[in-house]
PDB file of N, CA and C in Angstrom:
ATOM      1  N   MET A   1     -88.497  11.734  69.981  1.00  0.00           N
ATOM      2  CA  MET A   1     -87.894  13.032  69.735  1.00  0.00           C
ATOM      3  C   MET A   1     -86.546  12.801  69.056  1.00  0.00           C
ATOM      4  N   SER A   2     -86.303  13.500  67.975  1.00  0.00           N
ATOM      5  CA  SER A   2     -85.051  13.308  67.256  1.00  0.00           C
ATOM      6  C   SER A   2     -83.912  14.032  67.959  1.00  0.00           C
ATOM      7  N   GLU A   3     -82.714  13.746  67.545  1.00  0.00           N
ATOM      8  CA  GLU A   3     -81.516  14.301  68.178  1.00  0.00           C
ATOM      9  C   GLU A   3     -81.419  15.817  67.987  1.00  0.00           C
ATOM     10  N   GLY A   4     -81.787  16.353  66.818  1.00  0.00           N
ATOM     11  CA  GLY A   4     -81.636  17.777  66.526  1.00  0.00           C
ATOM     12  C   GLY A   4     -82.388  18.692  67.475  1.00  0.00           C
ATOM     13  N   PRO A   5     -83.719  18.545  67.622  1.00  0.00           N
ATOM     14  CA  PRO A   5     -84.455  19.437  68.529  1.00  0.00           C
ATOM     15  C   PRO A   5     -84.023  19.278  69.985  1.00  0.00           C
ATOM     16  N   PHE A   6     -83.705  18.065  70.398  1.00  0.00           N
ATOM     17  CA  PHE A   6     -83.257  17.853  71.776  1.00  0.00           C
ATOM     18  C   PHE A   6     -81.951  18.592  72.032  1.00  0.00           C
ATOM     19  N   ARG A   7     -81.053  18.534  71.082  1.00  0.00           N
ATOM     20  CA  ARG A   7     -79.768  19.214  71.221  1.00  0.00           C
ATOM     21  C   ARG A   7     -79.969  20.725  71.307  1.00  0.00           C
ATOM     22  N   THR A   8     -80.868  21.262  70.511  1.00  0.00           N
ATOM     23  CA  THR A   8     -81.145  22.693  70.536  1.00  0.00           C
ATOM     24  C   THR A   8     -81.734  23.116  71.877  1.00  0.00           C
ATOM     25  N   VAL A   9     -82.692  22.350  72.383  1.00  0.00           N
ATOM     26  CA  VAL A   9     -83.304  22.660  73.681  1.00  0.00           C
ATOM     27  C   VAL A   9     -82.256  22.565  74.786  1.00  0.00           C
ATOM     28  N   ARG A  10     -81.415  21.556  74.727  1.00  0.00           N
ATOM     29  CA  ARG A  10     -80.353  21.401  75.721  1.00  0.00           C
ATOM     30  C   ARG A  10     -79.402  22.594  75.689  1.00  0.00           C
ATOM     31  N   ASN A  11     -78.981  23.019  74.501  1.00  0.00           N
ATOM     32  CA  ASN A  11     -78.060  24.155  74.377  1.00  0.00           C
ATOM     33  C   ASN A  11     -78.696  25.446  74.874  1.00  0.00           C
ATOM     34  N   LEU A  12     -79.978  25.654  74.563  1.00  0.00           N
ATOM     35  CA  LEU A  12     -80.667  26.840  75.068  1.00  0.00           C
ATOM     36  C   LEU A  12     -80.770  26.800  76.589  1.00  0.00           C
ATOM     37  N   GLY A  13     -80.995  25.629  77.150  1.00  0.00           N
ATOM     38  CA  GLY A  13     -81.044  25.482  78.604  1.00  0.00           C
ATOM     39  C   GLY A  13     -79.702  25.800  79.255  1.00  0.00           C
ATOM     40  N   ILE A  14     -78.618  25.372  78.611  1.00  0.00           N
ATOM     41  CA  ILE A  14     -77.284  25.675  79.138  1.00  0.00           C
ATOM     42  C   ILE A  14     -77.028  27.172  79.112  1.00  0.00           C
ATOM     43  N   VAL A  15     -77.376  27.833  78.019  1.00  0.00           N
ATOM     44  CA  VAL A  15     -77.187  29.279  77.914  1.00  0.00           C
ATOM     45  C   VAL A  15     -78.036  29.997  78.958  1.00  0.00           C
ATOM     46  N   ALA A  16     -79.279  29.552  79.159  1.00  0.00           N
ATOM     47  CA  ALA A  16     -80.148  30.178  80.161  1.00  0.00           C
ATOM     48  C   ALA A  16     -79.592  29.972  81.559  1.00  0.00           C
ATOM     49  N   LEU A  17     -79.055  28.798  81.830  1.00  0.00           N
ATOM     50  CA  LEU A  17     -78.472  28.524  83.149  1.00  0.00           C
ATOM     51  C   LEU A  17     -77.247  29.402  83.407  1.00  0.00           C
ATOM     52  N   VAL A  18     -76.386  29.544  82.417  1.00  0.00           N
ATOM     53  CA  VAL A  18     -75.210  30.405  82.568  1.00  0.00           C
ATOM     54  C   VAL A  18     -75.642  31.851  82.783  1.00  0.00           C
ATOM     55  N   ALA A  19     -76.635  32.324  82.029  1.00  0.00           N
ATOM     56  CA  ALA A  19     -77.135  33.694  82.207  1.00  0.00           C
ATOM     57  C   ALA A  19     -77.718  33.885  83.597  1.00  0.00           C
ATOM     58  N   LEU A  20     -78.434  32.889  84.090  1.00  0.00           N
ATOM     59  CA  LEU A  20     -79.001  32.977  85.435  1.00  0.00           C
ATOM     60  C   LEU A  20     -77.905  33.021  86.495  1.00  0.00           C
ATOM     61  N   LEU A  21     -76.877  32.211  86.321  1.00  0.00           N
ATOM     62  CA  LEU A  21     -75.763  32.217  87.272  1.00  0.00           C
ATOM     63  C   LEU A  21     -75.045  33.564  87.285  1.00  0.00           C
ATOM     64  N   ILE A  22     -74.841  34.137  86.116  1.00  0.00           N
ATOM     65  CA  ILE A  22     -74.175  35.440  86.042  1.00  0.00           C
ATOM     66  C   ILE A  22     -75.039  36.511  86.697  1.00  0.00           C
ATOM     67  N   ALA A  23     -76.340  36.486  86.426  1.00  0.00           N
ATOM     68  CA  ALA A  23     -77.232  37.517  86.961  1.00  0.00           C
ATOM     69  C   ALA A  23     -77.388  37.405  88.480  1.00  0.00           C
ATOM     70  N   LEU A  24     -77.383  36.189  89.034  1.00  0.00           N
ATOM     71  CA  LEU A  24     -77.610  36.005  90.467  1.00  0.00           C
ATOM     72  C   LEU A  24     -76.326  36.011  91.296  1.00  0.00           C
ATOM     73  N   ALA A  25     -75.178  35.937  90.658  1.00  0.00           N
ATOM     74  CA  ALA A  25     -73.911  35.923  91.392  1.00  0.00           C
ATOM     75  C   ALA A  25     -73.664  37.295  92.013  1.00  0.00           C
ATOM     76  N   PRO A  26     -72.911  37.343  93.105  1.00  0.00           N
ATOM     77  CA  PRO A  26     -72.560  38.649  93.681  1.00  0.00           C
ATOM     78  C   PRO A  26     -71.799  39.481  92.645  1.00  0.00           C
ATOM     79  N   GLY A  27     -72.234  40.708  92.455  1.00  0.00           N
ATOM     80  CA  GLY A  27     -71.648  41.545  91.402  1.00  0.00           C
ATOM     81  C   GLY A  27     -72.101  41.107  90.028  1.00  0.00           C
ATOM     82  N   GLY A  28     -73.236  40.428  89.975  1.00  0.00           N
ATOM     83  CA  GLY A  28     -73.726  39.871  88.714  1.00  0.00           C
ATOM     84  C   GLY A  28     -74.068  40.912  87.679  1.00  0.00           C
ATOM     85  N   GLY A  29     -74.515  42.081  88.133  1.00  0.00           N
ATOM     86  CA  GLY A  29     -74.827  43.136  87.171  1.00  0.00           C
ATOM     87  C   GLY A  29     -73.604  43.558  86.400  1.00  0.00           C
ATOM     88  N   THR A  30     -72.475  43.683  87.110  1.00  0.00           N
ATOM     89  CA  THR A  30     -71.211  44.033  86.448  1.00  0.00           C
ATOM     90  C   THR A  30     -70.766  42.893  85.545  1.00  0.00           C
ATOM     91  N   GLY A  31     -70.883  41.674  86.026  1.00  0.00           N
ATOM     92  CA  GLY A  31     -70.507  40.518  85.206  1.00  0.00           C
ATOM     93  C   GLY A  31     -71.360  40.408  83.953  1.00  0.00           C
ATOM     94  N   LEU A  32     -72.637  40.697  84.118  1.00  0.00           N
ATOM     95  CA  LEU A  32     -73.531  40.667  82.969  1.00  0.00           C
ATOM     96  C   LEU A  32     -73.177  41.754  81.967  1.00  0.00           C
ATOM     97  N   SER A  33     -72.806  42.930  82.464  1.00  0.00           N
ATOM     98  CA  SER A  33     -72.387  44.017  81.576  1.00  0.00           C
ATOM     99  C   SER A  33     -71.130  43.639  80.800  1.00  0.00           C
ATOM    100  N   VAL A  34     -70.190  43.002  81.482  1.00  0.00           N
ATOM    101  CA  VAL A  34     -68.961  42.568  80.815  1.00  0.00           C
ATOM    102  C   VAL A  34     -69.271  41.504  79.770  1.00  0.00           C
ATOM    103  N   ALA A  35     -70.133  40.552  80.117  1.00  0.00           N
ATOM    104  CA  ALA A  35     -70.502  39.498  79.167  1.00  0.00           C
ATOM    105  C   ALA A  35     -71.195  40.092  77.944  1.00  0.00           C
ATOM    106  N   LEU A  36     -72.080  41.058  78.162  1.00  0.00           N
ATOM    107  CA  LEU A  36     -72.759  41.716  77.045  1.00  0.00           C
ATOM    108  C   LEU A  36     -71.778  42.487  76.183  1.00  0.00           C
ATOM    109  N   TRP A  37     -70.820  43.162  76.814  1.00  0.00           N
ATOM    110  CA  TRP A  37     -69.808  43.903  76.066  1.00  0.00           C
ATOM    111  C   TRP A  37     -68.973  42.953  75.208  1.00  0.00           C
ATOM    112  N   ILE A  38     -68.589  41.800  75.778  1.00  0.00           N
ATOM    113  CA  ILE A  38     -67.801  40.822  75.024  1.00  0.00           C
ATOM    114  C   ILE A  38     -68.603  40.285  73.837  1.00  0.00           C
ATOM    115  N   LEU A  39     -69.885  40.003  74.052  1.00  0.00           N
ATOM    116  CA  LEU A  39     -70.724  39.537  72.939  1.00  0.00           C
ATOM    117  C   LEU A  39     -70.869  40.605  71.859  1.00  0.00           C
ATOM    118  N   THR A  40     -70.990  41.870  72.272  1.00  0.00           N
ATOM    119  CA  THR A  40     -71.104  42.959  71.300  1.00  0.00           C
ATOM    120  C   THR A  40     -69.831  43.087  70.474  1.00  0.00           C
ATOM    121  N   VAL A  41     -68.689  43.031  71.128  1.00  0.00           N
ATOM    122  CA  VAL A  41     -67.415  43.111  70.410  1.00  0.00           C
ATOM    123  C   VAL A  41     -67.268  41.919  69.461  1.00  0.00           C
ATOM    124  N   ALA A  42     -67.631  40.733  69.916  1.00  0.00           N
ATOM    125  CA  ALA A  42     -67.546  39.548  69.064  1.00  0.00           C
ATOM    126  C   ALA A  42     -68.478  39.675  67.858  1.00  0.00           C
ATOM    127  N   PHE A  43     -69.666  40.251  68.062  1.00  0.00           N
ATOM    128  CA  PHE A  43     -70.617  40.438  66.964  1.00  0.00           C
ATOM    129  C   PHE A  43     -70.046  41.384  65.913  1.00  0.00           C
ATOM    130  N   PHE A  44     -69.499  42.520  66.359  1.00  0.00           N
ATOM    131  CA  PHE A  44     -68.940  43.466  65.392  1.00  0.00           C
ATOM    132  C   PHE A  44     -67.672  42.927  64.741  1.00  0.00           C
ATOM    133  N   ALA A  45     -66.885  42.123  65.457  1.00  0.00           N
ATOM    134  CA  ALA A  45     -65.717  41.495  64.852  1.00  0.00           C
ATOM    135  C   ALA A  45     -66.148  40.496  63.776  1.00  0.00           C
ATOM    136  N   ALA A  46     -67.227  39.768  64.032  1.00  0.00           N
ATOM    137  CA  ALA A  46     -67.746  38.827  63.025  1.00  0.00           C
ATOM    138  C   ALA A  46     -68.247  39.575  61.792  1.00  0.00           C
ATOM    139  N   ILE A  47     -68.891  40.715  62.003  1.00  0.00           N
ATOM    140  CA  ILE A  47     -69.350  41.516  60.864  1.00  0.00           C
ATOM    141  C   ILE A  47     -68.153  42.034  60.069  1.00  0.00           C
ATOM    142  N   ALA A  48     -67.109  42.494  60.765  1.00  0.00           N
ATOM    143  CA  ALA A  48     -65.905  42.977  60.080  1.00  0.00           C
ATOM    144  C   ALA A  48     -65.250  41.848  59.289  1.00  0.00           C
ATOM    145  N   PHE A  49     -65.178  40.662  59.877  1.00  0.00           N
ATOM    146  CA  PHE A  49     -64.597  39.516  59.177  1.00  0.00           C
ATOM    147  C   PHE A  49     -65.426  39.148  57.948  1.00  0.00           C
ATOM    148  N   LEU A  50     -66.751  39.198  58.093  1.00  0.00           N
ATOM    149  CA  LEU A  50     -67.620  38.920  56.948  1.00  0.00           C
ATOM    150  C   LEU A  50     -67.393  39.953  55.845  1.00  0.00           C
ATOM    151  N   GLY A  51     -67.284  41.226  56.212  1.00  0.00           N
ATOM    152  CA  GLY A  51     -67.016  42.262  55.215  1.00  0.00           C
ATOM    153  C   GLY A  51     -65.695  42.037  54.503  1.00  0.00           C
ATOM    154  N   TYR A  52     -64.679  41.650  55.257  1.00  0.00           N
ATOM    155  CA  TYR A  52     -63.378  41.362  54.667  1.00  0.00           C
ATOM    156  C   TYR A  52     -63.468  40.198  53.688  1.00  0.00           C
ATOM    157  N   ARG A  53     -64.165  39.136  54.097  1.00  0.00           N
ATOM    158  CA  ARG A  53     -64.310  37.971  53.211  1.00  0.00           C
ATOM    159  C   ARG A  53     -65.093  38.328  51.951  1.00  0.00           C
ATOM    160  N   LEU A  54     -66.159  39.115  52.105  1.00  0.00           N
ATOM    161  CA  LEU A  54     -66.934  39.518  50.936  1.00  0.00           C
ATOM    162  C   LEU A  54     -66.109  40.404  50.003  1.00  0.00           C
ATOM    163  N   TYR A  55     -65.312  41.290  50.584  1.00  0.00           N
ATOM    164  CA  TYR A  55     -64.448  42.135  49.753  1.00  0.00           C
ATOM    165  C   TYR A  55     -63.471  41.282  48.960  1.00  0.00           C
ATOM    166  N   ARG A  56     -62.861  40.307  49.620  1.00  0.00           N
ATOM    167  CA  ARG A  56     -61.899  39.448  48.924  1.00  0.00           C
ATOM    168  C   ARG A  56     -62.576  38.632  47.828  1.00  0.00           C
ATOM    169  N   GLU A  57     -63.788  38.161  48.096  1.00  0.00           N
ATOM    170  CA  GLU A  57     -64.491  37.320  47.133  1.00  0.00           C
ATOM    171  C   GLU A  57     -64.998  38.122  45.935  1.00  0.00           C
ATOM    172  N   TYR A  58     -65.432  39.355  46.172  1.00  0.00           N
ATOM    173  CA  TYR A  58     -66.034  40.158  45.112  1.00  0.00           C
ATOM    174  C   TYR A  58     -65.171  41.354  44.725  1.00  0.00           C
ATOM    175  N   ARG A  59     -63.863  41.238  44.865  1.00  0.00           N
ATOM    176  CA  ARG A  59     -62.972  42.353  44.554  1.00  0.00           C
ATOM    177  C   ARG A  59     -63.081  42.786  43.092  1.00  0.00           C
ATOM    178  N   PHE A  60     -63.147  41.833  42.171  1.00  0.00           N
ATOM    179  CA  PHE A  60     -63.252  42.181  40.754  1.00  0.00           C
ATOM    180  C   PHE A  60     -64.562  42.916  40.477  1.00  0.00           C
ATOM    181  N   THR A  61     -65.647  42.461  41.084  1.00  0.00           N
ATOM    182  CA  THR A  61     -66.939  43.113  40.899  1.00  0.00           C
ATOM    183  C   THR A  61     -66.909  44.533  41.455  1.00  0.00           C
ATOM    184  N   LEU A  62     -66.297  44.725  42.594  1.00  0.00           N
ATOM    185  CA  LEU A  62     -66.197  46.064  43.175  1.00  0.00           C
ATOM    186  C   LEU A  62     -65.335  46.975  42.311  1.00  0.00           C
ATOM    187  N   ASP A  63     -64.261  46.423  41.747  1.00  0.00           N
ATOM    188  CA  ASP A  63     -63.410  47.228  40.876  1.00  0.00           C
ATOM    189  C   ASP A  63     -64.101  47.586  39.570  1.00  0.00           C
ATOM    190  N   SER A  64     -65.082  46.796  39.165  1.00  0.00           N
ATOM    191  CA  SER A  64     -65.780  47.080  37.915  1.00  0.00           C
ATOM    192  C   SER A  64     -66.918  48.086  38.083  1.00  0.00           C
ATOM    193  N   LEU A  65     -67.219  48.489  39.313  1.00  0.00           N
ATOM    194  CA  LEU A  65     -68.237  49.517  39.539  1.00  0.00           C
ATOM    195  C   LEU A  65     -67.718  50.868  39.080  1.00  0.00           C
ATOM    196  N   SER A  66     -68.644  51.735  38.701  1.00  0.00           N
ATOM    197  CA  SER A  66     -68.238  53.096  38.339  1.00  0.00           C
ATOM    198  C   SER A  66     -67.809  53.834  39.606  1.00  0.00           C
ATOM    199  N   THR A  67     -67.157  54.973  39.410  1.00  0.00           N
ATOM    200  CA  THR A  67     -66.688  55.749  40.557  1.00  0.00           C
ATOM    201  C   THR A  67     -67.853  56.186  41.434  1.00  0.00           C
ATOM    202  N   LEU A  68     -68.949  56.620  40.825  1.00  0.00           N
ATOM    203  CA  LEU A  68     -70.126  57.040  41.589  1.00  0.00           C
ATOM    204  C   LEU A  68     -70.694  55.878  42.401  1.00  0.00           C
ATOM    205  N   GLU A  69     -70.789  54.709  41.777  1.00  0.00           N
ATOM    206  CA  GLU A  69     -71.326  53.543  42.483  1.00  0.00           C
ATOM    207  C   GLU A  69     -70.447  53.166  43.673  1.00  0.00           C
ATOM    208  N   ARG A  70     -69.132  53.225  43.489  1.00  0.00           N
ATOM    209  CA  ARG A  70     -68.231  52.917  44.607  1.00  0.00           C
ATOM    210  C   ARG A  70     -68.371  53.931  45.733  1.00  0.00           C
ATOM    211  N   TRP A  71     -68.473  55.226  45.385  1.00  0.00           N
ATOM    212  CA  TRP A  71     -68.648  56.269  46.405  1.00  0.00           C
ATOM    213  C   TRP A  71     -69.932  56.027  47.200  1.00  0.00           C
ATOM    214  N   VAL A  72     -71.018  55.718  46.489  1.00  0.00           N
ATOM    215  CA  VAL A  72     -72.296  55.479  47.167  1.00  0.00           C
ATOM    216  C   VAL A  72     -72.211  54.220  48.031  1.00  0.00           C
ATOM    217  N   LEU A  73     -71.604  53.167  47.517  1.00  0.00           N
ATOM    218  CA  LEU A  73     -71.493  51.917  48.272  1.00  0.00           C
ATOM    219  C   LEU A  73     -70.669  52.108  49.540  1.00  0.00           C
ATOM    220  N   TYR A  74     -69.472  52.642  49.398  1.00  0.00           N
ATOM    221  CA  TYR A  74     -68.611  52.811  50.572  1.00  0.00           C
ATOM    222  C   TYR A  74     -69.165  53.867  51.525  1.00  0.00           C
ATOM    223  N   GLY A  75     -69.801  54.896  50.988  1.00  0.00           N
ATOM    224  CA  GLY A  75     -70.442  55.892  51.844  1.00  0.00           C
ATOM    225  C   GLY A  75     -71.595  55.300  52.631  1.00  0.00           C
ATOM    226  N   SER A  76     -72.379  54.440  52.004  1.00  0.00           N
ATOM    227  CA  SER A  76     -73.497  53.789  52.695  1.00  0.00           C
ATOM    228  C   SER A  76     -73.002  52.857  53.792  1.00  0.00           C
ATOM    229  N   ILE A  77     -71.939  52.119  53.513  1.00  0.00           N
ATOM    230  CA  ILE A  77     -71.371  51.237  54.536  1.00  0.00           C
ATOM    231  C   ILE A  77     -70.827  52.071  55.692  1.00  0.00           C
ATOM    232  N   GLY A  78     -70.154  53.167  55.379  1.00  0.00           N
ATOM    233  CA  GLY A  78     -69.641  54.052  56.419  1.00  0.00           C
ATOM    234  C   GLY A  78     -70.758  54.679  57.233  1.00  0.00           C
ATOM    235  N   LEU A  79     -71.837  55.094  56.565  1.00  0.00           N
ATOM    236  CA  LEU A  79     -72.982  55.677  57.266  1.00  0.00           C
ATOM    237  C   LEU A  79     -73.619  54.661  58.218  1.00  0.00           C
ATOM    238  N   ALA A  80     -73.751  53.424  57.772  1.00  0.00           N
ATOM    239  CA  ALA A  80     -74.306  52.384  58.638  1.00  0.00           C
ATOM    240  C   ALA A  80     -73.387  52.145  59.838  1.00  0.00           C
ATOM    241  N   PHE A  81     -72.084  52.134  59.615  1.00  0.00           N
ATOM    242  CA  PHE A  81     -71.129  51.926  60.704  1.00  0.00           C
ATOM    243  C   PHE A  81     -71.219  53.057  61.727  1.00  0.00           C
ATOM    244  N   VAL A  82     -71.261  54.303  61.257  1.00  0.00           N
ATOM    245  CA  VAL A  82     -71.349  55.448  62.169  1.00  0.00           C
ATOM    246  C   VAL A  82     -72.685  55.430  62.908  1.00  0.00           C
ATOM    247  N   THR A  83     -73.754  55.043  62.224  1.00  0.00           N
ATOM    248  CA  THR A  83     -75.063  54.974  62.866  1.00  0.00           C
ATOM    249  C   THR A  83     -75.072  53.926  63.977  1.00  0.00           C
ATOM    250  N   PHE A  84     -74.491  52.749  63.713  1.00  0.00           N
ATOM    251  CA  PHE A  84     -74.420  51.727  64.757  1.00  0.00           C
ATOM    252  C   PHE A  84     -73.534  52.175  65.908  1.00  0.00           C
ATOM    253  N   THR A  85     -72.484  52.918  65.584  1.00  0.00           N
ATOM    254  CA  THR A  85     -71.612  53.428  66.638  1.00  0.00           C
ATOM    255  C   THR A  85     -72.355  54.417  67.528  1.00  0.00           C
ATOM    256  N   ALA A  86     -73.231  55.228  66.948  1.00  0.00           N
ATOM    257  CA  ALA A  86     -73.970  56.251  67.702  1.00  0.00           C
ATOM    258  C   ALA A  86     -75.290  55.729  68.258  1.00  0.00           C
ATOM    259  N   SER A  87     -75.537  54.443  68.157  1.00  0.00           N
ATOM    260  CA  SER A  87     -76.820  53.887  68.594  1.00  0.00           C
ATOM    261  C   SER A  87     -77.141  54.214  70.041  1.00  0.00           C
ATOM    262  N   GLN A  88     -76.153  54.123  70.911  1.00  0.00           N
ATOM    263  CA  GLN A  88     -76.407  54.346  72.333  1.00  0.00           C
ATOM    264  C   GLN A  88     -76.951  55.749  72.579  1.00  0.00           C
ATOM    265  N   ARG A  89     -76.431  56.735  71.865  1.00  0.00           N
ATOM    266  CA  ARG A  89     -76.912  58.112  72.053  1.00  0.00           C
ATOM    267  C   ARG A  89     -78.232  58.353  71.327  1.00  0.00           C
ATOM    268  N   LEU A  90     -78.373  57.781  70.142  1.00  0.00           N
ATOM    269  CA  LEU A  90     -79.566  58.062  69.350  1.00  0.00           C
ATOM    270  C   LEU A  90     -80.814  57.385  69.891  1.00  0.00           C
ATOM    271  N   LEU A  91     -80.687  56.235  70.502  1.00  0.00           N
ATOM    272  CA  LEU A  91     -81.863  55.462  70.899  1.00  0.00           C
ATOM    273  C   LEU A  91     -82.445  55.883  72.245  1.00  0.00           C
ATOM    274  N   HIS A  92     -81.935  56.930  72.850  1.00  0.00           N
ATOM    275  CA  HIS A  92     -82.458  57.381  74.130  1.00  0.00           C
ATOM    276  C   HIS A  92     -83.548  58.439  74.012  1.00  0.00           C
ATOM    277  N   THR A  93     -83.789  58.946  72.815  1.00  0.00           N
ATOM    278  CA  THR A  93     -84.835  59.949  72.631  1.00  0.00           C
ATOM    279  C   THR A  93     -85.752  59.505  71.500  1.00  0.00           C
ATOM    280  N   GLY A  94     -86.973  60.031  71.503  1.00  0.00           N
ATOM    281  CA  GLY A  94     -87.918  59.684  70.449  1.00  0.00           C
ATOM    282  C   GLY A  94     -87.449  60.142  69.087  1.00  0.00           C
ATOM    283  N   LEU A  95     -86.948  61.370  69.017  1.00  0.00           N
ATOM    284  CA  LEU A  95     -86.444  61.892  67.747  1.00  0.00           C
ATOM    285  C   LEU A  95     -85.196  61.126  67.312  1.00  0.00           C
ATOM    286  N   GLY A  96     -84.370  60.733  68.286  1.00  0.00           N
ATOM    287  CA  GLY A  96     -83.161  59.975  67.976  1.00  0.00           C
ATOM    288  C   GLY A  96     -83.464  58.630  67.336  1.00  0.00           C
ATOM    289  N   VAL A  97     -84.533  57.998  67.785  1.00  0.00           N
ATOM    290  CA  VAL A  97     -84.935  56.712  67.193  1.00  0.00           C
ATOM    291  C   VAL A  97     -85.318  56.916  65.729  1.00  0.00           C
ATOM    292  N   LEU A  98     -86.058  57.993  65.460  1.00  0.00           N
ATOM    293  CA  LEU A  98     -86.436  58.272  64.071  1.00  0.00           C
ATOM    294  C   LEU A  98     -85.216  58.590  63.218  1.00  0.00           C
ATOM    295  N   VAL A  99     -84.259  59.343  63.763  1.00  0.00           N
ATOM    296  CA  VAL A  99     -83.029  59.641  63.034  1.00  0.00           C
ATOM    297  C   VAL A  99     -82.253  58.356  62.785  1.00  0.00           C
ATOM    298  N   TRP A 100     -82.168  57.487  63.798  1.00  0.00           N
ATOM    299  CA  TRP A 100     -81.462  56.215  63.666  1.00  0.00           C
ATOM    300  C   TRP A 100     -82.073  55.361  62.553  1.00  0.00           C
ATOM    301  N   ILE A 101     -83.398  55.248  62.560  1.00  0.00           N
ATOM    302  CA  ILE A 101     -84.088  54.470  61.522  1.00  0.00           C
ATOM    303  C   ILE A 101     -83.880  55.107  60.159  1.00  0.00           C
ATOM    304  N   GLY A 102     -83.965  56.436  60.102  1.00  0.00           N
ATOM    305  CA  GLY A 102     -83.772  57.134  58.831  1.00  0.00           C
ATOM    306  C   GLY A 102     -82.372  56.947  58.262  1.00  0.00           C
ATOM    307  N   LEU A 103     -81.364  57.038  59.116  1.00  0.00           N
ATOM    308  CA  LEU A 103     -79.988  56.863  58.644  1.00  0.00           C
ATOM    309  C   LEU A 103     -79.729  55.441  58.168  1.00  0.00           C
ATOM    310  N   LEU A 104     -80.234  54.458  58.897  1.00  0.00           N
ATOM    311  CA  LEU A 104     -80.067  53.071  58.445  1.00  0.00           C
ATOM    312  C   LEU A 104     -80.856  52.811  57.162  1.00  0.00           C
ATOM    313  N   GLY A 105     -82.034  53.440  57.056  1.00  0.00           N
ATOM    314  CA  GLY A 105     -82.801  53.311  55.815  1.00  0.00           C
ATOM    315  C   GLY A 105     -82.059  53.923  54.637  1.00  0.00           C
ATOM    316  N   LEU A 106     -81.439  55.088  54.858  1.00  0.00           N
ATOM    317  CA  LEU A 106     -80.667  55.742  53.800  1.00  0.00           C
ATOM    318  C   LEU A 106     -79.470  54.889  53.397  1.00  0.00           C
ATOM    319  N   ALA A 107     -78.774  54.321  54.370  1.00  0.00           N
ATOM    320  CA  ALA A 107     -77.634  53.452  54.068  1.00  0.00           C
ATOM    321  C   ALA A 107     -78.093  52.213  53.304  1.00  0.00           C
ATOM    322  N   SER A 108     -79.208  51.629  53.726  1.00  0.00           N
ATOM    323  CA  SER A 108     -79.740  50.447  53.035  1.00  0.00           C
ATOM    324  C   SER A 108     -80.144  50.784  51.613  1.00  0.00           C
ATOM    325  N   PHE A 109     -80.791  51.944  51.432  1.00  0.00           N
ATOM    326  CA  PHE A 109     -81.191  52.344  50.094  1.00  0.00           C
ATOM    327  C   PHE A 109     -79.971  52.564  49.201  1.00  0.00           C
ATOM    328  N   GLY A 110     -78.907  53.154  49.756  1.00  0.00           N
ATOM    329  CA  GLY A 110     -77.692  53.367  48.969  1.00  0.00           C
ATOM    330  C   GLY A 110     -77.110  52.058  48.476  1.00  0.00           C
ATOM    331  N   ILE A 111     -77.059  51.060  49.347  1.00  0.00           N
ATOM    332  CA  ILE A 111     -76.525  49.756  48.945  1.00  0.00           C
ATOM    333  C   ILE A 111     -77.445  49.108  47.917  1.00  0.00           C
ATOM    334  N   PHE A 112     -78.751  49.222  48.123  1.00  0.00           N
ATOM    335  CA  PHE A 112     -79.716  48.676  47.158  1.00  0.00           C
ATOM    336  C   PHE A 112     -79.583  49.373  45.811  1.00  0.00           C
ATOM    337  N   TRP A 113     -79.413  50.701  45.833  1.00  0.00           N
ATOM    338  CA  TRP A 113     -79.268  51.455  44.585  1.00  0.00           C
ATOM    339  C   TRP A 113     -78.043  50.992  43.811  1.00  0.00           C
ATOM    340  N   VAL A 114     -76.931  50.798  44.497  1.00  0.00           N
ATOM    341  CA  VAL A 114     -75.709  50.335  43.829  1.00  0.00           C
ATOM    342  C   VAL A 114     -75.935  48.948  43.242  1.00  0.00           C
ATOM    343  N   TRP A 115     -76.584  48.077  43.995  1.00  0.00           N
ATOM    344  CA  TRP A 115     -76.830  46.721  43.505  1.00  0.00           C
ATOM    345  C   TRP A 115     -77.686  46.751  42.241  1.00  0.00           C
ATOM    346  N   ARG A 116     -78.789  47.533  42.279  1.00  0.00           N
ATOM    347  CA  ARG A 116     -79.676  47.610  41.113  1.00  0.00           C
ATOM    348  C   ARG A 116     -78.972  48.279  39.928  1.00  0.00           C
ATOM    349  N   HIS A 117     -78.268  49.364  40.204  1.00  0.00           N
ATOM    350  CA  HIS A 117     -77.624  50.120  39.123  1.00  0.00           C
ATOM    351  C   HIS A 117     -76.493  49.304  38.476  1.00  0.00           C
ATOM    352  N   SER A 118     -75.802  48.485  39.254  1.00  0.00           N
ATOM    353  CA  SER A 118     -74.705  47.696  38.707  1.00  0.00           C
ATOM    354  C   SER A 118     -75.209  46.548  37.848  1.00  0.00           C
ATOM    355  N   ARG A 119     -76.468  46.179  37.988  1.00  0.00           N
ATOM    356  CA  ARG A 119     -77.036  45.078  37.208  1.00  0.00           C
ATOM    357  C   ARG A 119     -77.702  45.535  35.920  1.00  0.00           C
ATOM    358  N   GLU A 120     -77.808  46.851  35.712  1.00  0.00           N
ATOM    359  CA  GLU A 120     -78.400  47.358  34.482  1.00  0.00           C
ATOM    360  C   GLU A 120     -77.398  47.322  33.358  1.00  0.00           C
ATOM    361  N   TYR A 121     -77.860  47.004  32.178  1.00  0.00           N
ATOM    362  CA  TYR A 121     -76.999  46.974  31.006  1.00  0.00           C
ATOM    363  C   TYR A 121     -77.402  48.107  30.089  1.00  0.00           C
ATOM    364  N   GLY A 122     -76.388  48.725  29.504  1.00  0.00           N
ATOM    365  CA  GLY A 122     -76.674  49.742  28.503  1.00  0.00           C
ATOM    366  C   GLY A 122     -76.601  51.057  29.059  1.00  0.00           C
TER     367      GLY A 122
END
């Protein structure tokens, strides 16, 4: 067995052991909720950092977009952000799930439209 797969299995085992300890500890449900909240905040912070880095890297490209393309791009990103923010409320009903999927689909299509439209010449 090579070092890579063994290391991955070992790391997954450590994560599973820590999760088991948190879940079985007294007050583990609260501890698990806090751990999940911290992971969620870290995930969204990583996404924000990635967005910042992409903005810095592609600033000239973003400035070269037309006004309509920029409005659609930033509106789509904002729509996706608001949709993720409202996920807890939307995902509790059947209709809410469809609205959630529809809004994310609309945001994705907006970003795709800007990408395709910005690559057309003429």
